[in-house]
Amino acid sequence: MKHLDKIGGIFFYLIAMVLSLHFLGYDALAAEKSSNWRPMYDLIFRWINFGIIVFVIVKYGKTPIMNFLRGQKDKLAQEINRLENEKEEAKAKIKETLKAVDDSEVRFSELKDRIIQQGEKKKAEIIESAQNHSKIMLEDAKRRIGFHFLQAKDEFRAEMIDRAMDMAMERLPKEITSEDNDKFTRLFLESSLTE
C-alpha cells in the first residue's frame, strides 16, 4: 500500500513539473529583452497559481486519483485474468480440434481401407460372376452347336436318302427288268405269308 502511495506521489510531482514547463515555457523565453515589470509580475502570479493548483490537486485529488488508479489496476488485473482464461480455453479447443483432426484422419484412413477392401471383394464377385456366366454361355453355345450339328446331320442324311431315292427311282426302272419285278413280287409274297 505504501508502495502505491509513493508511486502516486511521484506521479503527481511529475505532472506538476510538466504543467509548469508548459505554462512557463512560452513567456520565459519571450521575456529576455523585456524591460517592463508587467511580464515579471504575470510570471510570478502564474507560479503562485500553479502552486495553488498543485497543492489543491495533491491535497484533495490525491485520494480519488489513487482510488481511480487502484480501480484501474484491479480492472486490468481482472481483464488479464479473463484473457488468460480465454487463452487457456482457446488452447484446450485447439488441442481438441487437433485431436479431432487426427481422429478424422485415422477414420478417413480406415474408411478408405474398408472401401478398398469392399471394392476388391466386389471386383472378385463380379469377376467370378462373369466367369460363371461365360461358362454357362459356353455350355449353352456348345449345346446349341451340338443340336445344330445333329440337326444338320439329320437334314444331310435325309437329303442323301432323298437323293438316293430319287436316283434309285430314276435308275431302277431302267435297270429292273420284268423278271426282276416278278422275283421281287414273289419274295414279297413269300415274306408276307410266313409272317
Protein backbone atom coordinates (compact mmCIF):
# COMPACT_ATOMS: atom_id res chain seq x y z
CA MET A 1 0.00 0.00 0.00
CA LYS A 2 2.82 2.39 0.89
CA HIS A 3 4.47 1.49 -2.37
CA LEU A 4 1.40 2.63 -4.31
CA ASP A 5 1.21 5.91 -2.34
CA LYS A 6 4.85 6.58 -3.14
CA ILE A 7 4.29 5.89 -6.82
CA GLY A 8 1.19 8.13 -6.77
CA GLY A 9 3.16 10.99 -5.15
CA ILE A 10 5.91 10.73 -7.72
CA PHE A 11 3.31 10.67 -10.45
CA PHE A 12 1.68 13.88 -9.19
CA TYR A 13 5.02 15.70 -8.90
CA LEU A 14 5.84 14.68 -12.44
CA ILE A 15 2.52 16.05 -13.62
CA ALA A 16 3.18 19.28 -11.75
CA MET A 17 6.58 19.66 -13.41
CA VAL A 18 5.20 19.03 -16.87
CA LEU A 19 2.44 21.57 -16.37
CA SER A 20 4.89 24.16 -15.02
CA LEU A 21 7.13 23.77 -18.04
CA HIS A 22 4.11 24.16 -20.23
CA PHE A 23 2.91 27.33 -18.54
CA LEU A 24 6.33 28.95 -18.14
CA GLY A 25 7.99 27.91 -21.34
CA TYR A 26 6.45 30.45 -23.71
CA ASP A 27 6.63 33.54 -21.55
CA ALA A 28 10.06 32.87 -20.06
CA LEU A 29 11.66 32.77 -23.48
CA ALA A 30 9.83 35.81 -24.70
CA ALA A 31 10.74 37.92 -21.64
CA GLU A 32 14.50 38.04 -22.25
CA LYS A 33 14.51 41.57 -23.80
CA SER A 34 11.60 43.00 -21.90
CA SER A 35 12.29 45.98 -19.61
CA ASN A 36 8.77 46.15 -18.42
CA TRP A 37 7.83 44.90 -14.89
CA ARG A 38 4.47 43.53 -16.10
CA PRO A 39 5.76 40.30 -17.67
CA MET A 40 7.67 39.51 -14.48
CA TYR A 41 4.57 40.20 -12.40
CA ASP A 42 2.49 37.87 -14.63
CA LEU A 43 5.15 35.21 -14.34
CA ILE A 44 5.22 35.34 -10.57
CA PHE A 45 1.45 35.07 -10.30
CA ARG A 46 1.40 32.22 -12.74
CA TRP A 47 3.80 30.38 -10.47
CA ILE A 48 1.67 31.14 -7.48
CA ASN A 49 -1.48 29.99 -9.30
CA PHE A 50 0.32 26.92 -10.45
CA GLY A 51 1.46 26.15 -6.89
CA ILE A 52 -2.11 26.58 -5.62
CA ILE A 53 -3.41 24.22 -8.30
CA VAL A 54 -0.72 21.67 -7.46
CA PHE A 55 -1.47 21.99 -3.75
CA VAL A 56 -5.22 21.54 -4.32
CA ILE A 57 -4.68 18.58 -6.61
CA VAL A 58 -2.23 16.92 -4.20
CA LYS A 59 -4.27 17.71 -1.08
CA TYR A 60 -7.76 16.92 -2.31
CA GLY A 61 -7.26 14.95 -5.51
CA LYS A 62 -4.63 12.52 -4.34
CA THR A 63 -7.02 10.07 -2.68
CA PRO A 64 -9.63 9.99 -5.52
CA ILE A 65 -6.92 9.73 -8.16
CA MET A 66 -5.18 6.95 -6.22
CA ASN A 67 -8.51 5.17 -5.81
CA PHE A 68 -9.13 5.60 -9.53
CA LEU A 69 -5.67 4.21 -10.34
CA ARG A 70 -6.19 1.29 -7.93
CA GLY A 71 -9.57 0.61 -9.56
CA GLN A 72 -7.93 0.69 -12.97
CA LYS A 73 -5.24 -1.67 -11.70
CA ASP A 74 -7.93 -4.06 -10.40
CA LYS A 75 -9.82 -3.82 -13.68
CA LEU A 76 -6.64 -4.51 -15.63
CA ALA A 77 -5.83 -7.46 -13.36
CA GLN A 78 -9.34 -8.86 -13.91
CA GLU A 79 -9.06 -8.30 -17.65
CA ILE A 80 -5.66 -10.01 -17.69
CA ASN A 81 -7.11 -12.96 -15.73
CA ARG A 82 -10.08 -13.15 -18.11
CA LEU A 83 -7.76 -13.06 -21.13
CA GLU A 84 -5.53 -15.74 -19.57
CA ASN A 85 -8.62 -17.92 -19.02
CA GLU A 86 -9.73 -17.34 -22.61
CA LYS A 87 -6.20 -18.17 -23.75
CA GLU A 88 -6.30 -21.46 -21.81
CA GLU A 89 -9.77 -22.25 -23.21
CA ALA A 90 -8.52 -21.47 -26.73
CA LYS A 91 -5.52 -23.76 -26.18
CA ALA A 92 -7.85 -26.52 -24.97
CA LYS A 93 -10.09 -26.02 -28.01
CA ILE A 94 -7.06 -26.11 -30.30
CA LYS A 95 -5.93 -29.36 -28.69
CA GLU A 96 -9.44 -30.81 -29.09
CA THR A 97 -9.53 -29.68 -32.70
CA LEU A 98 -6.12 -31.18 -33.43
CA LYS A 99 -7.19 -34.40 -31.76
CA ALA A 100 -10.42 -34.39 -33.80
CA VAL A 101 -8.38 -33.82 -36.97
CA ASP A 102 -6.07 -36.70 -36.07
CA ASP A 103 -9.07 -38.90 -35.27
CA SER A 104 -10.75 -37.92 -38.53
CA GLU A 105 -7.56 -38.74 -40.44
CA VAL A 106 -7.47 -42.16 -38.76
CA ARG A 107 -11.17 -42.67 -39.51
CA PHE A 108 -10.63 -41.50 -43.07
CA SER A 109 -7.75 -43.94 -43.47
CA GLU A 110 -9.85 -46.77 -42.00
CA LEU A 111 -12.79 -45.82 -44.21
CA LYS A 112 -10.51 -45.71 -47.25
CA ASP A 113 -9.11 -49.17 -46.41
CA ARG A 114 -12.63 -50.53 -45.85
CA ILE A 115 -13.83 -49.08 -49.17
CA ILE A 116 -10.82 -50.56 -50.96
CA GLN A 117 -11.49 -53.97 -49.37
CA GLN A 118 -15.17 -53.77 -50.33
CA GLY A 119 -14.16 -52.73 -53.84
CA GLU A 120 -11.74 -55.67 -54.12
CA LYS A 121 -14.41 -58.04 -52.81
CA LYS A 122 -17.00 -56.64 -55.22
CA LYS A 123 -14.46 -56.87 -58.05
CA ALA A 124 -13.77 -60.53 -57.20
CA GLU A 125 -17.53 -61.22 -57.05
CA ILE A 126 -18.06 -59.55 -60.43
CA ILE A 127 -15.16 -61.49 -61.96
CA GLU A 128 -16.48 -64.76 -60.51
CA SER A 129 -20.00 -63.97 -61.72
CA ALA A 130 -18.67 -63.11 -65.18
CA GLN A 131 -16.67 -66.36 -65.28
CA ASN A 132 -19.74 -68.39 -64.23
CA HIS A 133 -21.87 -66.54 -66.77
CA SER A 134 -19.29 -67.17 -69.50
CA LYS A 135 -19.16 -70.90 -68.58
CA ILE A 136 -22.93 -71.07 -68.81
CA MET A 137 -22.86 -69.24 -72.14
CA LEU A 138 -20.12 -71.56 -73.45
CA GLU A 139 -22.05 -74.64 -72.35
CA ASP A 140 -25.23 -73.26 -73.90
CA ALA A 141 -23.33 -72.44 -77.11
CA LYS A 142 -21.84 -75.97 -77.19
CA ARG A 143 -25.28 -77.44 -76.64
CA ARG A 144 -26.73 -75.32 -79.45
CA ILE A 145 -23.83 -76.17 -81.73
CA GLY A 146 -24.32 -79.85 -80.92
CA PHE A 147 -28.06 -79.54 -81.55
CA HIS A 148 -27.49 -77.68 -84.84
CA PHE A 149 -24.82 -80.21 -85.82
CA LEU A 150 -27.21 -83.10 -85.17
CA GLN A 151 -29.98 -81.27 -86.97
CA ALA A 152 -27.67 -80.55 -89.90
CA LYS A 153 -26.51 -84.18 -89.86
CA ASP A 154 -30.11 -85.39 -89.85
CA GLU A 155 -31.00 -82.98 -92.64
CA PHE A 156 -27.95 -84.08 -94.59
CA ARG A 157 -28.85 -87.74 -94.03
CA ALA A 158 -32.47 -87.09 -95.06
CA GLU A 159 -31.28 -85.22 -98.13
CA MET A 160 -28.90 -88.04 -99.01
CA ILE A 161 -31.67 -90.53 -98.59
CA ASP A 162 -33.99 -88.41 -100.74
CA ARG A 163 -31.31 -88.10 -103.42
CA ALA A 164 -30.56 -91.76 -103.22
CA MET A 165 -34.26 -92.47 -103.58
CA ASP A 166 -34.55 -90.08 -106.48
CA MET A 167 -31.54 -91.64 -108.14
CA ALA A 168 -32.86 -95.06 -107.45
CA MET A 169 -36.22 -94.11 -108.89
CA GLU A 170 -34.57 -92.83 -111.97
CA ARG A 171 -32.20 -95.75 -112.45
CA LEU A 172 -34.27 -98.64 -111.19
CA PRO A 173 -36.89 -98.53 -113.87
CA LYS A 174 -34.12 -98.63 -116.43
CA GLU A 175 -32.21 -101.38 -114.66
CA ILE A 176 -35.05 -103.56 -113.41
CA THR A 177 -36.43 -105.96 -115.89
CA SER A 178 -39.76 -107.71 -115.78
CA GLU A 179 -38.03 -110.83 -114.48
CA ASP A 180 -36.60 -108.82 -111.57
CA ASN A 181 -40.02 -107.43 -110.97
CA ASP A 182 -41.57 -110.90 -110.79
CA LYS A 183 -38.80 -112.04 -108.49
CA PHE A 184 -39.39 -109.09 -106.09
CA THR A 185 -43.11 -109.74 -106.13
CA ARG A 186 -42.62 -113.42 -105.28
CA LEU A 187 -40.20 -112.57 -102.47
CA PHE A 188 -42.64 -110.02 -101.05
CA LEU A 189 -45.49 -112.52 -101.13
CA GLU A 190 -43.47 -115.22 -99.50
CA SER A 191 -42.28 -112.95 -96.77
CA SER A 192 -45.77 -111.72 -96.04
CA LEU A 193 -47.18 -115.31 -95.92
CA THR A 194 -44.59 -116.51 -93.48
CA GLU A 195 -45.43 -113.86 -91.05
